[in-house]
Amino acid sequence: MERYTPIKVHMTRKLIGVSPENTVKEACEIMVEFDIGSLVVIENNKVVGFFTKSDIIRRVVIPGLPNSTQVREIMSSELISVDGNISLGEVLDLMAKKGIKHILIEDNGKIVGIFSLSDLLTASRRRLETAIAAE
């Protein structure tokens, strides 16, 4: 995998989201249905937060909150995003520095995708399979 490739090549374009009013249980059901580890939180057609498995553990399970708690109460509202033209290497460095596993990708100030460490693994696996098939 080329470290200098723009991150938009590796991002997932399909954003799956919830409303801030959704409950944690509803959000978790969506995450299970789509087999994903994060959701964007959307209000008035704008991304206003991010909700991850880690948020569930740290902000619901450990404190003992009910699964009827609204997403708005536990979502991460400090969004970390990068321009889609930034290189994979720069994004991985930023993710390591911030200690995050997901990052939002934007184009002209609008969120257009998401990149996660699992996207990196998928791309690496495909590249390896292609190399093996070429032998």
Protein backbone atom coordinates (compact mmCIF):
# COMPACT_ATOMS: atom_id res chain seq x y z
CA MET A 1 0.00 0.00 0.00
CA GLU A 2 1.40 3.33 -1.03
CA ARG A 3 1.90 5.70 1.91
CA TYR A 4 1.46 8.74 -0.35
CA THR A 5 -1.90 7.71 -1.85
CA PRO A 6 -4.71 10.20 -1.09
CA ILE A 7 -6.90 8.95 1.75
CA LYS A 8 -10.02 9.33 -0.40
CA VAL A 9 -8.86 6.25 -2.34
CA HIS A 10 -9.19 4.13 0.81
CA MET A 11 -12.17 5.74 2.55
CA THR A 12 -15.64 4.25 2.85
CA ARG A 13 -18.10 6.51 1.07
CA LYS A 14 -21.24 5.06 2.58
CA LEU A 15 -21.86 6.91 5.82
CA ILE A 16 -24.32 5.27 8.16
CA GLY A 17 -25.74 7.52 10.80
CA VAL A 18 -28.22 8.13 13.54
CA SER A 19 -30.00 11.11 15.01
CA PRO A 20 -28.88 12.57 18.34
CA GLU A 21 -32.33 11.61 19.66
CA ASN A 22 -31.85 7.92 18.88
CA THR A 23 -31.19 5.71 21.89
CA VAL A 24 -27.95 3.87 22.45
CA LYS A 25 -29.85 0.63 21.91
CA GLU A 26 -31.14 1.80 18.51
CA ALA A 27 -27.64 2.92 17.52
CA CYS A 28 -26.16 -0.41 18.58
CA GLU A 29 -28.78 -2.30 16.57
CA ILE A 30 -27.72 -0.36 13.46
CA MET A 31 -24.06 -1.07 14.15
CA VAL A 32 -24.80 -4.80 14.46
CA GLU A 33 -27.01 -4.82 11.35
CA PHE A 34 -24.26 -3.28 9.21
CA ASP A 35 -21.36 -4.92 11.10
CA ILE A 36 -19.64 -1.59 11.72
CA GLY A 37 -17.88 -0.04 14.71
CA SER A 38 -18.97 3.57 14.35
CA LEU A 39 -21.80 5.84 13.25
CA VAL A 40 -21.99 9.48 12.32
CA VAL A 41 -24.56 11.51 14.22
CA ILE A 42 -26.60 13.68 11.89
CA GLU A 43 -28.83 16.61 12.74
CA ASN A 44 -30.39 18.93 10.15
CA ASN A 45 -28.43 17.18 7.38
CA LYS A 46 -25.13 17.98 9.10
CA VAL A 47 -22.68 15.68 10.88
CA VAL A 48 -22.68 16.86 14.51
CA GLY A 49 -21.06 13.93 16.24
CA PHE A 50 -19.50 10.53 16.12
CA PHE A 51 -20.55 7.38 18.00
CA THR A 52 -18.23 4.38 18.40
CA LYS A 53 -18.01 1.06 20.21
CA SER A 54 -15.48 2.70 22.47
CA ASP A 55 -18.05 5.37 23.43
CA ILE A 56 -20.47 2.60 24.40
CA ILE A 57 -17.94 0.96 26.69
CA ARG A 58 -16.54 4.12 28.26
CA ARG A 59 -19.68 6.24 28.47
CA VAL A 60 -22.53 3.73 28.87
CA VAL A 61 -21.40 0.35 30.19
CA ILE A 62 -18.78 1.45 32.74
CA PRO A 63 -20.90 4.28 34.24
CA GLY A 64 -23.95 1.98 34.21
CA LEU A 65 -26.21 4.13 32.04
CA PRO A 66 -29.35 2.53 30.57
CA ASN A 67 -29.45 1.63 26.88
CA SER A 68 -32.33 4.10 26.59
CA THR A 69 -29.81 6.94 26.94
CA GLN A 70 -29.88 9.24 23.93
CA VAL A 71 -26.90 9.21 21.59
CA ARG A 72 -26.47 12.98 22.09
CA GLU A 73 -25.52 12.36 25.72
CA ILE A 74 -22.55 10.15 24.92
CA MET A 75 -21.46 10.91 21.34
CA SER A 76 -18.12 12.50 20.62
CA SER A 77 -18.92 16.00 19.44
CA GLU A 78 -15.30 16.96 18.83
CA LEU A 79 -15.04 15.83 15.24
CA ILE A 80 -11.67 15.03 13.75
CA SER A 81 -11.68 15.23 9.98
CA VAL A 82 -9.16 15.57 7.18
CA ASP A 83 -9.28 16.60 3.56
CA GLY A 84 -9.65 13.68 1.16
CA ASN A 85 -6.43 14.62 -0.63
CA ILE A 86 -4.20 14.14 2.41
CA SER A 87 -1.98 11.09 2.11
CA LEU A 88 -2.64 7.79 3.81
CA GLY A 89 0.62 8.15 5.72
CA GLU A 90 -0.33 11.55 7.11
CA VAL A 91 -3.74 10.26 8.17
CA LEU A 92 -2.26 7.21 9.90
CA ASP A 93 0.22 9.46 11.73
CA LEU A 94 -2.64 11.74 12.87
CA MET A 95 -4.78 8.80 13.98
CA ALA A 96 -1.87 7.39 16.00
CA LYS A 97 -1.18 10.80 17.56
CA LYS A 98 -4.85 11.28 18.51
CA GLY A 99 -5.34 7.65 19.56
CA ILE A 100 -8.32 7.12 17.26
CA LYS A 101 -9.43 4.28 15.00
CA HIS A 102 -11.81 6.24 12.74
CA ILE A 103 -11.50 9.59 11.01
CA LEU A 104 -13.96 11.58 8.93
CA ILE A 105 -13.01 12.60 5.40
CA GLU A 106 -14.18 15.89 3.95
CA ASP A 107 -14.30 17.61 0.61
CA ASN A 108 -14.88 21.37 0.50
CA GLY A 109 -15.96 21.39 4.14
CA LYS A 110 -18.53 18.60 3.72
CA ILE A 111 -18.13 15.13 5.24
CA VAL A 112 -17.99 12.68 2.32
CA GLY A 113 -16.63 9.51 3.90
CA ILE A 114 -14.92 7.79 6.74
CA PHE A 115 -11.63 5.96 7.06
CA SER A 116 -10.97 3.33 9.70
CA LEU A 117 -8.17 0.97 10.52
CA SER A 118 -10.34 -1.85 9.18
CA ASP A 119 -10.33 -0.08 5.79
CA LEU A 120 -6.54 -0.24 5.92
CA LEU A 121 -6.64 -3.96 6.64
CA THR A 122 -9.11 -4.58 3.82
CA ALA A 123 -6.96 -2.67 1.33
CA SER A 124 -3.83 -4.52 2.47
CA ARG A 125 -5.57 -7.88 2.13
CA ARG A 126 -6.75 -7.04 -1.41
CA ARG A 127 -3.27 -5.97 -2.42
CA LEU A 128 -1.79 -9.17 -1.06
CA GLU A 129 -4.43 -11.30 -2.83
CA THR A 130 -3.70 -9.48 -6.10
CA ALA A 131 0.04 -10.11 -5.71
CA ILE A 132 -0.53 -13.78 -4.97
CA ALA A 133 -2.87 -14.18 -7.96
CA ALA A 134 -0.27 -12.58 -10.24
CA GLU A 135 2.35 -15.19 -9.33
